[in-house]
Amino acid sequence: MKLINIGFGNMVSAGRLIAIVSPESAPIKRMIQEARDRGMLVDATYGRRTRAVLMMDSDHVVLSALQPETVAGRLGGKEAEAAPEEVEEL
């Protein structure tokens, strides 16, 4: 089982991931709200801005503060350095 780092030490299973999308469009925002209402939303942003929405095969929706391209790169095996969102601010 391969795990993907989605930011701040949080991981999701690569085999259960269906899609990585941007949260900008109205249908995606609606999907996030519906998942929240059903109790199927996992917010892994640590209070930061949501930049990627991960849809899982279990009908869970996972929010990440990393760019979709960064998460996709990690899925493909290119382990990037810590993203700017992960760097501690003093």
PDB file of N, CA and C in Angstrom:
ATOM      1  N   MET A   1       0.852  -1.180   0.000  1.00  0.00           N
ATOM      2  CA  MET A   1       0.000   0.000   0.000  1.00  0.00           C
ATOM      3  C   MET A   1       0.893   1.238   0.000  1.00  0.00           C
ATOM      4  N   LYS A   2       0.699   2.093  -0.994  1.00  0.00           N
ATOM      5  CA  LYS A   2       1.474   3.317  -1.108  1.00  0.00           C
ATOM      6  C   LYS A   2       0.683   4.469  -0.487  1.00  0.00           C
ATOM      7  N   LEU A   3       1.358   5.250   0.353  1.00  0.00           N
ATOM      8  CA  LEU A   3       0.748   6.416   0.976  1.00  0.00           C
ATOM      9  C   LEU A   3       1.315   7.682   0.357  1.00  0.00           C
ATOM     10  N   ILE A   4       0.467   8.689   0.207  1.00  0.00           N
ATOM     11  CA  ILE A   4       0.876   9.970  -0.362  1.00  0.00           C
ATOM     12  C   ILE A   4       0.776  11.040   0.719  1.00  0.00           C
ATOM     13  N   ASN A   5       1.848  11.806   0.886  1.00  0.00           N
ATOM     14  CA  ASN A   5       1.839  12.916   1.836  1.00  0.00           C
ATOM     15  C   ASN A   5       1.018  14.051   1.231  1.00  0.00           C
ATOM     16  N   ILE A   6      -0.052  14.466   1.921  1.00  0.00           N
ATOM     17  CA  ILE A   6      -0.901  15.549   1.422  1.00  0.00           C
ATOM     18  C   ILE A   6      -0.668  16.836   2.204  1.00  0.00           C
ATOM     19  N   GLY A   7       0.415  16.881   2.952  1.00  0.00           N
ATOM     20  CA  GLY A   7       0.786  18.088   3.680  1.00  0.00           C
ATOM     21  C   GLY A   7       0.706  17.910   5.179  1.00  0.00           C
ATOM     22  N   PHE A   8       1.667  18.494   5.871  1.00  0.00           N
ATOM     23  CA  PHE A   8       1.715  18.511   7.328  1.00  0.00           C
ATOM     24  C   PHE A   8       1.742  17.115   7.935  1.00  0.00           C
ATOM     25  N   GLY A   9       2.360  16.163   7.232  1.00  0.00           N
ATOM     26  CA  GLY A   9       2.494  14.810   7.744  1.00  0.00           C
ATOM     27  C   GLY A   9       1.254  13.953   7.584  1.00  0.00           C
ATOM     28  N   ASN A  10       0.238  14.454   6.923  1.00  0.00           N
ATOM     29  CA  ASN A  10      -0.978  13.680   6.677  1.00  0.00           C
ATOM     30  C   ASN A  10      -0.809  12.845   5.421  1.00  0.00           C
ATOM     31  N   MET A  11      -1.337  11.627   5.445  1.00  0.00           N
ATOM     32  CA  MET A  11      -1.180  10.703   4.328  1.00  0.00           C
ATOM     33  C   MET A  11      -2.534  10.135   3.910  1.00  0.00           C
ATOM     34  N   VAL A  12      -2.647   9.834   2.615  1.00  0.00           N
ATOM     35  CA  VAL A  12      -3.810   9.100   2.094  1.00  0.00           C
ATOM     36  C   VAL A  12      -3.290   7.931   1.265  1.00  0.00           C
ATOM     37  N   SER A  13      -4.106   6.925   1.149  1.00  0.00           N
ATOM     38  CA  SER A  13      -3.736   5.742   0.369  1.00  0.00           C
ATOM     39  C   SER A  13      -3.857   6.043  -1.123  1.00  0.00           C
ATOM     40  N   ALA A  14      -2.799   5.801  -1.863  1.00  0.00           N
ATOM     41  CA  ALA A  14      -2.796   6.065  -3.305  1.00  0.00           C
ATOM     42  C   ALA A  14      -3.790   5.172  -4.035  1.00  0.00           C
ATOM     43  N   GLY A  15      -3.984   3.966  -3.555  1.00  0.00           N
ATOM     44  CA  GLY A  15      -4.885   3.039  -4.207  1.00  0.00           C
ATOM     45  C   GLY A  15      -6.357   3.395  -4.062  1.00  0.00           C
ATOM     46  N   ARG A  16      -6.680   4.242  -3.103  1.00  0.00           N
ATOM     47  CA  ARG A  16      -8.075   4.619  -2.867  1.00  0.00           C
ATOM     48  C   ARG A  16      -8.411   5.985  -3.439  1.00  0.00           C
ATOM     49  N   LEU A  17      -7.426   6.653  -3.996  1.00  0.00           N
ATOM     50  CA  LEU A  17      -7.610   7.996  -4.544  1.00  0.00           C
ATOM     51  C   LEU A  17      -8.229   7.919  -5.937  1.00  0.00           C
ATOM     52  N   ILE A  18      -9.304   8.676  -6.139  1.00  0.00           N
ATOM     53  CA  ILE A  18      -9.972   8.699  -7.441  1.00  0.00           C
ATOM     54  C   ILE A  18      -9.570   9.936  -8.230  1.00  0.00           C
ATOM     55  N   ALA A  19      -9.602  11.112  -7.577  1.00  0.00           N
ATOM     56  CA  ALA A  19      -9.327  12.354  -8.301  1.00  0.00           C
ATOM     57  C   ALA A  19      -8.730  13.400  -7.375  1.00  0.00           C
ATOM     58  N   ILE A  20      -7.955  14.305  -7.976  1.00  0.00           N
ATOM     59  CA  ILE A  20      -7.408  15.472  -7.281  1.00  0.00           C
ATOM     60  C   ILE A  20      -7.872  16.684  -8.079  1.00  0.00           C
ATOM     61  N   VAL A  21      -8.666  17.553  -7.463  1.00  0.00           N
ATOM     62  CA  VAL A  21      -9.230  18.697  -8.177  1.00  0.00           C
ATOM     63  C   VAL A  21      -9.011  19.987  -7.398  1.00  0.00           C
ATOM     64  N   SER A  22      -9.151  21.086  -8.101  1.00  0.00           N
ATOM     65  CA  SER A  22      -9.072  22.407  -7.496  1.00  0.00           C
ATOM     66  C   SER A  22     -10.423  22.756  -6.870  1.00  0.00           C
ATOM     67  N   PRO A  23     -10.439  23.480  -5.762  1.00  0.00           N
ATOM     68  CA  PRO A  23     -11.700  23.778  -5.072  1.00  0.00           C
ATOM     69  C   PRO A  23     -12.436  25.011  -5.582  1.00  0.00           C
ATOM     70  N   GLU A  24     -12.041  25.554  -6.715  1.00  0.00           N
ATOM     71  CA  GLU A  24     -12.560  26.843  -7.173  1.00  0.00           C
ATOM     72  C   GLU A  24     -13.982  26.804  -7.712  1.00  0.00           C
ATOM     73  N   SER A  25     -14.385  25.733  -8.379  1.00  0.00           N
ATOM     74  CA  SER A  25     -15.678  25.732  -9.074  1.00  0.00           C
ATOM     75  C   SER A  25     -16.841  25.495  -8.108  1.00  0.00           C
ATOM     76  N   ALA A  26     -18.005  25.961  -8.516  1.00  0.00           N
ATOM     77  CA  ALA A  26     -19.212  25.819  -7.698  1.00  0.00           C
ATOM     78  C   ALA A  26     -19.585  24.353  -7.456  1.00  0.00           C
ATOM     79  N   PRO A  27     -19.486  23.464  -8.462  1.00  0.00           N
ATOM     80  CA  PRO A  27     -19.823  22.062  -8.187  1.00  0.00           C
ATOM     81  C   PRO A  27     -18.914  21.418  -7.136  1.00  0.00           C
ATOM     82  N   ILE A  28     -17.643  21.769  -7.147  1.00  0.00           N
ATOM     83  CA  ILE A  28     -16.710  21.211  -6.154  1.00  0.00           C
ATOM     84  C   ILE A  28     -17.031  21.780  -4.772  1.00  0.00           C
ATOM     85  N   LYS A  29     -17.331  23.069  -4.693  1.00  0.00           N
ATOM     86  CA  LYS A  29     -17.725  23.668  -3.411  1.00  0.00           C
ATOM     87  C   LYS A  29     -18.984  22.994  -2.875  1.00  0.00           C
ATOM     88  N   ARG A  30     -19.923  22.692  -3.757  1.00  0.00           N
ATOM     89  CA  ARG A  30     -21.158  22.002  -3.357  1.00  0.00           C
ATOM     90  C   ARG A  30     -20.837  20.594  -2.860  1.00  0.00           C
ATOM     91  N   MET A  31     -19.929  19.907  -3.547  1.00  0.00           N
ATOM     92  CA  MET A  31     -19.532  18.563  -3.139  1.00  0.00           C
ATOM     93  C   MET A  31     -18.884  18.585  -1.751  1.00  0.00           C
ATOM     94  N   ILE A  32     -18.065  19.598  -1.488  1.00  0.00           N
ATOM     95  CA  ILE A  32     -17.420  19.739  -0.178  1.00  0.00           C
ATOM     96  C   ILE A  32     -18.480  19.933   0.905  1.00  0.00           C
ATOM     97  N   GLN A  33     -19.450  20.800   0.649  1.00  0.00           N
ATOM     98  CA  GLN A  33     -20.499  21.060   1.631  1.00  0.00           C
ATOM     99  C   GLN A  33     -21.351  19.817   1.878  1.00  0.00           C
ATOM    100  N   GLU A  34     -21.667  19.079   0.825  1.00  0.00           N
ATOM    101  CA  GLU A  34     -22.442  17.847   0.980  1.00  0.00           C
ATOM    102  C   GLU A  34     -21.677  16.804   1.792  1.00  0.00           C
ATOM    103  N   ALA A  35     -20.363  16.699   1.559  1.00  0.00           N
ATOM    104  CA  ALA A  35     -19.540  15.763   2.327  1.00  0.00           C
ATOM    105  C   ALA A  35     -19.483  16.185   3.789  1.00  0.00           C
ATOM    106  N   ARG A  36     -19.397  17.490   4.036  1.00  0.00           N
ATOM    107  CA  ARG A  36     -19.398  18.001   5.410  1.00  0.00           C
ATOM    108  C   ARG A  36     -20.709  17.635   6.113  1.00  0.00           C
ATOM    109  N   ASP A  37     -21.827  17.809   5.411  1.00  0.00           N
ATOM    110  CA  ASP A  37     -23.140  17.503   5.985  1.00  0.00           C
ATOM    111  C   ASP A  37     -23.289  16.020   6.295  1.00  0.00           C
ATOM    112  N   ARG A  38     -22.706  15.140   5.460  1.00  0.00           N
ATOM    113  CA  ARG A  38     -22.780  13.694   5.661  1.00  0.00           C
ATOM    114  C   ARG A  38     -21.741  13.178   6.651  1.00  0.00           C
ATOM    115  N   GLY A  39     -20.820  14.026   7.067  1.00  0.00           N
ATOM    116  CA  GLY A  39     -19.754  13.596   7.963  1.00  0.00           C
ATOM    117  C   GLY A  39     -18.651  12.837   7.255  1.00  0.00           C
ATOM    118  N   MET A  40     -18.499  13.080   5.961  1.00  0.00           N
ATOM    119  CA  MET A  40     -17.503  12.368   5.157  1.00  0.00           C
ATOM    120  C   MET A  40     -16.357  13.284   4.717  1.00  0.00           C
ATOM    121  N   LEU A  41     -16.215  14.440   5.356  1.00  0.00           N
ATOM    122  CA  LEU A  41     -15.171  15.398   4.994  1.00  0.00           C
ATOM    123  C   LEU A  41     -13.999  15.267   5.954  1.00  0.00           C
ATOM    124  N   VAL A  42     -12.788  15.205   5.405  1.00  0.00           N
ATOM    125  CA  VAL A  42     -11.567  15.193   6.201  1.00  0.00           C
ATOM    126  C   VAL A  42     -10.800  16.465   5.848  1.00  0.00           C
ATOM    127  N   ASP A  43     -10.677  17.371   6.805  1.00  0.00           N
ATOM    128  CA  ASP A  43      -9.987  18.639   6.569  1.00  0.00           C
ATOM    129  C   ASP A  43      -8.552  18.517   7.073  1.00  0.00           C
ATOM    130  N   ALA A  44      -7.610  18.412   6.148  1.00  0.00           N
ATOM    131  CA  ALA A  44      -6.189  18.269   6.490  1.00  0.00           C
ATOM    132  C   ALA A  44      -5.419  19.542   6.155  1.00  0.00           C
ATOM    133  N   THR A  45      -6.100  20.693   6.202  1.00  0.00           N
ATOM    134  CA  THR A  45      -5.456  21.958   5.837  1.00  0.00           C
ATOM    135  C   THR A  45      -4.791  22.659   7.011  1.00  0.00           C
ATOM    136  N   TYR A  46      -5.099  22.252   8.229  1.00  0.00           N
ATOM    137  CA  TYR A  46      -4.570  22.895   9.440  1.00  0.00           C
ATOM    138  C   TYR A  46      -4.868  24.387   9.454  1.00  0.00           C
ATOM    139  N   GLY A  47      -6.062  24.745   9.001  1.00  0.00           N
ATOM    140  CA  GLY A  47      -6.492  26.137   9.035  1.00  0.00           C
ATOM    141  C   GLY A  47      -6.015  26.975   7.869  1.00  0.00           C
ATOM    142  N   ARG A  48      -5.268  26.395   6.972  1.00  0.00           N
ATOM    143  CA  ARG A  48      -4.791  27.127   5.809  1.00  0.00           C
ATOM    144  C   ARG A  48      -5.825  27.064   4.681  1.00  0.00           C
ATOM    145  N   ARG A  49      -5.557  27.799   3.634  1.00  0.00           N
ATOM    146  CA  ARG A  49      -6.452  27.831   2.481  1.00  0.00           C
ATOM    147  C   ARG A  49      -6.466  26.478   1.770  1.00  0.00           C
ATOM    148  N   THR A  50      -7.647  26.012   1.392  1.00  0.00           N
ATOM    149  CA  THR A  50      -7.775  24.750   0.655  1.00  0.00           C
ATOM    150  C   THR A  50      -7.345  24.968  -0.787  1.00  0.00           C
ATOM    151  N   ARG A  51      -6.383  24.171  -1.238  1.00  0.00           N
ATOM    152  CA  ARG A  51      -5.889  24.301  -2.607  1.00  0.00           C
ATOM    153  C   ARG A  51      -6.125  23.047  -3.433  1.00  0.00           C
ATOM    154  N   ALA A  52      -6.362  21.920  -2.760  1.00  0.00           N
ATOM    155  CA  ALA A  52      -6.642  20.680  -3.480  1.00  0.00           C
ATOM    156  C   ALA A  52      -7.733  19.908  -2.747  1.00  0.00           C
ATOM    157  N   VAL A  53      -8.610  19.299  -3.531  1.00  0.00           N
ATOM    158  CA  VAL A  53      -9.672  18.457  -3.003  1.00  0.00           C
ATOM    159  C   VAL A  53      -9.433  17.052  -3.541  1.00  0.00           C
ATOM    160  N   LEU A  54      -9.314  16.091  -2.633  1.00  0.00           N
ATOM    161  CA  LEU A  54      -9.055  14.712  -3.022  1.00  0.00           C
ATOM    162  C   LEU A  54     -10.335  13.905  -2.821  1.00  0.00           C
ATOM    163  N   MET A  55     -10.757  13.233  -3.875  1.00  0.00           N
ATOM    164  CA  MET A  55     -11.944  12.387  -3.802  1.00  0.00           C
ATOM    165  C   MET A  55     -11.482  10.939  -3.676  1.00  0.00           C
ATOM    166  N   MET A  56     -12.014  10.258  -2.673  1.00  0.00           N
ATOM    167  CA  MET A  56     -11.611   8.895  -2.394  1.00  0.00           C
ATOM    168  C   MET A  56     -12.711   7.927  -2.824  1.00  0.00           C
ATOM    169  N   ASP A  57     -12.354   6.660  -3.037  1.00  0.00           N
ATOM    170  CA  ASP A  57     -13.337   5.668  -3.471  1.00  0.00           C
ATOM    171  C   ASP A  57     -14.337   5.306  -2.378  1.00  0.00           C
ATOM    172  N   SER A  58     -14.063   5.679  -1.141  1.00  0.00           N
ATOM    173  CA  SER A  58     -14.969   5.414  -0.027  1.00  0.00           C
ATOM    174  C   SER A  58     -16.004   6.520   0.141  1.00  0.00           C
ATOM    175  N   ASP A  59     -16.046   7.461  -0.815  1.00  0.00           N
ATOM    176  CA  ASP A  59     -16.950   8.611  -0.801  1.00  0.00           C
ATOM    177  C   ASP A  59     -16.498   9.699   0.176  1.00  0.00           C
ATOM    178  N   HIS A  60     -15.306   9.553   0.740  1.00  0.00           N
ATOM    179  CA  HIS A  60     -14.745  10.609   1.578  1.00  0.00           C
ATOM    180  C   HIS A  60     -14.180  11.705   0.671  1.00  0.00           C
ATOM    181  N   VAL A  61     -14.188  12.932   1.190  1.00  0.00           N
ATOM    182  CA  VAL A  61     -13.586  14.071   0.507  1.00  0.00           C
ATOM    183  C   VAL A  61     -12.524  14.618   1.450  1.00  0.00           C
ATOM    184  N   VAL A  62     -11.303  14.758   0.943  1.00  0.00           N
ATOM    185  CA  VAL A  62     -10.175  15.203   1.756  1.00  0.00           C
ATOM    186  C   VAL A  62      -9.696  16.550   1.239  1.00  0.00           C
ATOM    187  N   LEU A  63      -9.541  17.525   2.141  1.00  0.00           N
ATOM    188  CA  LEU A  63      -9.048  18.846   1.775  1.00  0.00           C
ATOM    189  C   LEU A  63      -7.573  18.948   2.121  1.00  0.00           C
ATOM    190  N   SER A  64      -6.788  19.522   1.209  1.00  0.00           N
ATOM    191  CA  SER A  64      -5.350  19.686   1.413  1.00  0.00           C
ATOM    192  C   SER A  64      -4.945  21.125   1.110  1.00  0.00           C
ATOM    193  N   ALA A  65      -3.920  21.598   1.815  1.00  0.00           N
ATOM    194  CA  ALA A  65      -3.394  22.944   1.590  1.00  0.00           C
ATOM    195  C   ALA A  65      -2.336  22.954   0.489  1.00  0.00           C
ATOM    196  N   LEU A  66      -2.031  21.796  -0.082  1.00  0.00           N
ATOM    197  CA  LEU A  66      -1.052  21.728  -1.167  1.00  0.00           C
ATOM    198  C   LEU A  66      -1.738  21.904  -2.509  1.00  0.00           C
ATOM    199  N   GLN A  67      -0.992  22.393  -3.492  1.00  0.00           N
ATOM    200  CA  GLN A  67      -1.505  22.531  -4.849  1.00  0.00           C
ATOM    201  C   GLN A  67      -1.802  21.146  -5.434  1.00  0.00           C
ATOM    202  N   PRO A  68      -2.812  21.021  -6.290  1.00  0.00           N
ATOM    203  CA  PRO A  68      -3.090  19.729  -6.922  1.00  0.00           C
ATOM    204  C   PRO A  68      -1.879  19.164  -7.668  1.00  0.00           C
ATOM    205  N   GLU A  69      -1.091  20.036  -8.291  1.00  0.00           N
ATOM    206  CA  GLU A  69       0.101  19.584  -9.022  1.00  0.00           C
ATOM    207  C   GLU A  69       1.127  18.962  -8.077  1.00  0.00           C
ATOM    208  N   THR A  70       1.241  19.513  -6.877  1.00  0.00           N
ATOM    209  CA  THR A  70       2.186  18.980  -5.896  1.00  0.00           C
ATOM    210  C   THR A  70       1.755  17.597  -5.447  1.00  0.00           C
ATOM    211  N   VAL A  71       0.471  17.451  -5.143  1.00  0.00           N
ATOM    212  CA  VAL A  71      -0.042  16.146  -4.712  1.00  0.00           C
ATOM    213  C   VAL A  71       0.107  15.130  -5.848  1.00  0.00           C
ATOM    214  N   ALA A  72      -0.206  15.535  -7.066  1.00  0.00           N
ATOM    215  CA  ALA A  72      -0.072  14.635  -8.215  1.00  0.00           C
ATOM    216  C   ALA A  72       1.387  14.238  -8.426  1.00  0.00           C
ATOM    217  N   GLY A  73       2.304  15.165  -8.236  1.00  0.00           N
ATOM    218  CA  GLY A  73       3.723  14.851  -8.353  1.00  0.00           C
ATOM    219  C   GLY A  73       4.162  13.834  -7.318  1.00  0.00           C
ATOM    220  N   ARG A  74       3.640  13.952  -6.118  1.00  0.00           N
ATOM    221  CA  ARG A  74       3.965  12.985  -5.075  1.00  0.00           C
ATOM    222  C   ARG A  74       3.349  11.631  -5.390  1.00  0.00           C
ATOM    223  N   LEU A  75       2.207  11.625  -6.031  1.00  0.00           N
ATOM    224  CA  LEU A  75       1.570  10.378  -6.440  1.00  0.00           C
ATOM    225  C   LEU A  75       2.420   9.680  -7.497  1.00  0.00           C
ATOM    226  N   GLY A  76       3.015  10.473  -8.385  1.00  0.00           N
ATOM    227  CA  GLY A  76       3.839   9.927  -9.453  1.00  0.00           C
ATOM    228  C   GLY A  76       5.220   9.492  -9.007  1.00  0.00           C
ATOM    229  N   GLY A  77       5.571   9.768  -7.767  1.00  0.00           N
ATOM    230  CA  GLY A  77       6.854   9.325  -7.250  1.00  0.00           C
ATOM    231  C   GLY A  77       7.878  10.416  -7.075  1.00  0.00           C
ATOM    232  N   LYS A  78       7.607  11.605  -7.621  1.00  0.00           N
ATOM    233  CA  LYS A  78       8.539  12.713  -7.441  1.00  0.00           C
ATOM    234  C   LYS A  78       8.264  13.340  -6.078  1.00  0.00           C
ATOM    235  N   GLU A  79       9.096  13.056  -5.098  1.00  0.00           N
ATOM    236  CA  GLU A  79       8.908  13.618  -3.761  1.00  0.00           C
ATOM    237  C   GLU A  79       9.506  15.015  -3.738  1.00  0.00           C
ATOM    238  N   ALA A  80       8.644  16.010  -3.661  1.00  0.00           N
ATOM    239  CA  ALA A  80       9.076  17.407  -3.661  1.00  0.00           C
ATOM    240  C   ALA A  80       9.537  17.814  -2.268  1.00  0.00           C
ATOM    241  N   GLU A  81      10.277  18.921  -2.227  1.00  0.00           N
ATOM    242  CA  GLU A  81      10.656  19.485  -0.939  1.00  0.00           C
ATOM    243  C   GLU A  81       9.403  20.001  -0.255  1.00  0.00           C
ATOM    244  N   ALA A  82       9.547  20.406   0.999  1.00  0.00           N
ATOM    245  CA  ALA A  82       8.397  20.926   1.741  1.00  0.00           C
ATOM    246  C   ALA A  82       7.800  22.111   0.979  1.00  0.00           C
ATOM    247  N   ALA A  83       6.513  22.059   0.784  1.00  0.00           N
ATOM    248  CA  ALA A  83       5.816  23.135   0.083  1.00  0.00           C
ATOM    249  C   ALA A  83       5.792  24.380   0.955  1.00  0.00           C
ATOM    250  N   PRO A  84       5.682  25.560   0.341  1.00  0.00           N
ATOM    251  CA  PRO A  84       5.654  26.800   1.132  1.00  0.00           C
ATOM    252  C   PRO A  84       4.566  26.804   2.195  1.00  0.00           C
ATOM    253  N   GLU A  85       3.453  26.093   1.950  1.00  0.00           N
ATOM    254  CA  GLU A  85       2.374  26.053   2.928  1.00  0.00           C
ATOM    255  C   GLU A  85       2.778  25.290   4.179  1.00  0.00           C
ATOM    256  N   GLU A  86       3.797  24.425   4.060  1.00  0.00           N
ATOM    257  CA  GLU A  86       4.202  23.592   5.189  1.00  0.00           C
ATOM    258  C   GLU A  86       5.294  24.240   6.042  1.00  0.00           C
ATOM    259  N   VAL A  87       5.903  25.291   5.543  1.00  0.00           N
ATOM    260  CA  VAL A  87       7.003  25.920   6.265  1.00  0.00           C
ATOM    261  C   VAL A  87       6.427  26.714   7.433  1.00  0.00           C
ATOM    262  N   GLU A  88       7.020  26.496   8.604  1.00  0.00           N
ATOM    263  CA  GLU A  88       6.556  27.199   9.806  1.00  0.00           C
ATOM    264  C   GLU A  88       6.821  28.695   9.686  1.00  0.00           C
ATOM    265  N   GLU A  89       5.823  29.473  10.029  1.00  0.00           N
ATOM    266  CA  GLU A  89       5.983  30.916  10.041  1.00  0.00           C
ATOM    267  C   GLU A  89       6.281  31.370  11.460  1.00  0.00           C
ATOM    268  N   LEU A  90       7.271  32.230  11.596  1.00  0.00           N
ATOM    269  CA  LEU A  90       7.653  32.706  12.926  1.00  0.00           C
ATOM    270  C   LEU A  90       6.924  33.957  13.308  1.00  0.00           C
TER     271      LEU A  90
END
